């Protein structure tokens, strides 16, 4: 495991400290690692949804505009199942 240095302004650091206590993190490092994991998972999920939308979704002819919110929700569910993620 590599060590990195990270600079945060005082307000952000106070916010991190408050959240780690509230959510039972034992260290700042543990909290920051978890935050990075969440961000990476979210980016991956968004990339997969975009890929799904461009490769698998084709609107039916004559049906008007698709309900994109419904399409996005369905795509999220299918990708979560495919990836073994828990649905939120």
C-alpha atoms as a PDB file:
ATOM      1  CA  UNK A   1       0.000   0.000   0.000  1.00  0.00           C
ATOM      2  CA  UNK A   2       1.265   3.443  -0.915  1.00  0.00           C
ATOM      3  CA  UNK A   3       1.103   6.533   1.237  1.00  0.00           C
ATOM      4  CA  UNK A   4      -0.170   9.797  -0.218  1.00  0.00           C
ATOM      5  CA  UNK A   5      -0.299  13.298   1.182  1.00  0.00           C
ATOM      6  CA  UNK A   6      -3.558  15.208   1.117  1.00  0.00           C
ATOM      7  CA  UNK A   7      -4.204  18.845   1.927  1.00  0.00           C
ATOM      8  CA  UNK A   8      -7.691  19.919   3.044  1.00  0.00           C
ATOM      9  CA  UNK A   9      -8.931  23.332   4.090  1.00  0.00           C
ATOM     10  CA  UNK A  10     -10.012  23.734   7.727  1.00  0.00           C
ATOM     11  CA  UNK A  11     -13.747  23.655   7.028  1.00  0.00           C
ATOM     12  CA  UNK A  12     -13.543  20.443   5.017  1.00  0.00           C
ATOM     13  CA  UNK A  13     -11.381  18.798   7.676  1.00  0.00           C
ATOM     14  CA  UNK A  14     -13.840  19.812  10.404  1.00  0.00           C
ATOM     15  CA  UNK A  15     -16.651  18.370   8.299  1.00  0.00           C
ATOM     16  CA  UNK A  16     -14.705  15.105   7.853  1.00  0.00           C
ATOM     17  CA  UNK A  17     -14.032  14.923  11.598  1.00  0.00           C
ATOM     18  CA  UNK A  18     -17.708  15.487  12.422  1.00  0.00           C
ATOM     19  CA  UNK A  19     -18.859  12.841   9.945  1.00  0.00           C
ATOM     20  CA  UNK A  20     -16.331  10.223  10.992  1.00  0.00           C
ATOM     21  CA  UNK A  21     -17.455  10.502  14.621  1.00  0.00           C
ATOM     22  CA  UNK A  22     -21.125  10.436  13.650  1.00  0.00           C
ATOM     23  CA  UNK A  23     -20.686   7.373  11.401  1.00  0.00           C
ATOM     24  CA  UNK A  24     -18.278   5.453  13.660  1.00  0.00           C
ATOM     25  CA  UNK A  25     -15.105   5.657  11.603  1.00  0.00           C
ATOM     26  CA  UNK A  26     -12.051   5.160  13.764  1.00  0.00           C
ATOM     27  CA  UNK A  27      -9.649   7.274  11.667  1.00  0.00           C
ATOM     28  CA  UNK A  28      -9.633   9.958   9.019  1.00  0.00           C
ATOM     29  CA  UNK A  29      -7.825   7.530   6.718  1.00  0.00           C
ATOM     30  CA  UNK A  30     -10.605   4.966   7.036  1.00  0.00           C
ATOM     31  CA  UNK A  31     -13.224   7.637   6.287  1.00  0.00           C
ATOM     32  CA  UNK A  32     -11.331   8.998   3.249  1.00  0.00           C
ATOM     33  CA  UNK A  33     -10.709   5.496   1.823  1.00  0.00           C
ATOM     34  CA  UNK A  34     -14.423   4.718   2.117  1.00  0.00           C
ATOM     35  CA  UNK A  35     -15.342   8.023   0.462  1.00  0.00           C
ATOM     36  CA  UNK A  36     -12.975   7.270  -2.429  1.00  0.00           C
ATOM     37  CA  UNK A  37     -14.454   3.759  -2.815  1.00  0.00           C
ATOM     38  CA  UNK A  38     -17.973   5.241  -2.943  1.00  0.00           C
ATOM     39  CA  UNK A  39     -16.929   7.799  -5.552  1.00  0.00           C
ATOM     40  CA  UNK A  40     -15.208   5.186  -7.729  1.00  0.00           C
ATOM     41  CA  UNK A  41     -18.228   2.882  -7.531  1.00  0.00           C
ATOM     42  CA  UNK A  42     -20.535   5.756  -8.468  1.00  0.00           C
ATOM     43  CA  UNK A  43     -18.401   6.703 -11.455  1.00  0.00           C
ATOM     44  CA  UNK A  44     -18.258   3.079 -12.591  1.00  0.00           C
ATOM     45  CA  UNK A  45     -22.048   2.773 -12.223  1.00  0.00           C
ATOM     46  CA  UNK A  46     -22.590   5.963 -14.248  1.00  0.00           C
ATOM     47  CA  UNK A  47     -20.219   4.733 -16.974  1.00  0.00           C
ATOM     48  CA  UNK A  48     -22.066   1.410 -17.162  1.00  0.00           C
ATOM     49  CA  UNK A  49     -25.442   3.143 -17.309  1.00  0.00           C
ATOM     50  CA  UNK A  50     -24.225   5.385 -20.127  1.00  0.00           C
ATOM     51  CA  UNK A  51     -22.834   2.382 -22.000  1.00  0.00           C
ATOM     52  CA  UNK A  52     -26.130   0.551 -21.506  1.00  0.00           C
ATOM     53  CA  UNK A  53     -28.122   3.546 -22.712  1.00  0.00           C
ATOM     54  CA  UNK A  54     -26.066   3.914 -25.892  1.00  0.00           C
ATOM     55  CA  UNK A  55     -25.749   0.237 -26.799  1.00  0.00           C
ATOM     56  CA  UNK A  56     -28.876  -1.539 -25.568  1.00  0.00           C
ATOM     57  CA  UNK A  57     -31.674   0.998 -25.531  1.00  0.00           C
ATOM     58  CA  UNK A  58     -33.431   1.744 -28.773  1.00  0.00           C
ATOM     59  CA  UNK A  59     -36.745   3.628 -28.558  1.00  0.00           C
ATOM     60  CA  UNK A  60     -39.694   1.968 -30.261  1.00  0.00           C
ATOM     61  CA  UNK A  61     -40.842   3.696 -33.419  1.00  0.00           C
ATOM     62  CA  UNK A  62     -44.018   5.720 -33.141  1.00  0.00           C
ATOM     63  CA  UNK A  63     -44.047   5.720 -29.339  1.00  0.00           C
ATOM     64  CA  UNK A  64     -43.010   9.347 -28.839  1.00  0.00           C
ATOM     65  CA  UNK A  65     -40.309  10.452 -26.429  1.00  0.00           C
ATOM     66  CA  UNK A  66     -39.055   7.813 -23.990  1.00  0.00           C
ATOM     67  CA  UNK A  67     -39.378   8.364 -20.232  1.00  0.00           C
ATOM     68  CA  UNK A  68     -35.651   8.747 -19.552  1.00  0.00           C
ATOM     69  CA  UNK A  69     -36.061   8.567 -15.782  1.00  0.00           C
ATOM     70  CA  UNK A  70     -37.793   5.202 -16.121  1.00  0.00           C
ATOM     71  CA  UNK A  71     -35.169   3.998 -18.607  1.00  0.00           C
ATOM     72  CA  UNK A  72     -32.357   5.069 -16.265  1.00  0.00           C
ATOM     73  CA  UNK A  73     -34.019   3.330 -13.298  1.00  0.00           C
ATOM     74  CA  UNK A  74     -34.448   0.092 -15.271  1.00  0.00           C
ATOM     75  CA  UNK A  75     -30.861   0.274 -16.527  1.00  0.00           C
ATOM     76  CA  UNK A  76     -29.619   0.804 -12.957  1.00  0.00           C
ATOM     77  CA  UNK A  77     -31.536  -2.213 -11.706  1.00  0.00           C
ATOM     78  CA  UNK A  78     -30.305  -4.466 -14.509  1.00  0.00           C
ATOM     79  CA  UNK A  79     -26.691  -3.353 -14.113  1.00  0.00           C
ATOM     80  CA  UNK A  80     -26.822  -3.727 -10.318  1.00  0.00           C
ATOM     81  CA  UNK A  81     -28.088  -7.265 -10.748  1.00  0.00           C
ATOM     82  CA  UNK A  82     -25.457  -8.025 -13.392  1.00  0.00           C
ATOM     83  CA  UNK A  83     -22.643  -6.605 -11.250  1.00  0.00           C
ATOM     84  CA  UNK A  84     -23.891  -8.164  -7.992  1.00  0.00           C
ATOM     85  CA  UNK A  85     -24.483  -4.777  -6.371  1.00  0.00           C
ATOM     86  CA  UNK A  86     -27.166  -4.227  -3.783  1.00  0.00           C
ATOM     87  CA  UNK A  87     -30.005  -2.042  -5.042  1.00  0.00           C
ATOM     88  CA  UNK A  88     -30.447   1.241  -3.141  1.00  0.00           C
END
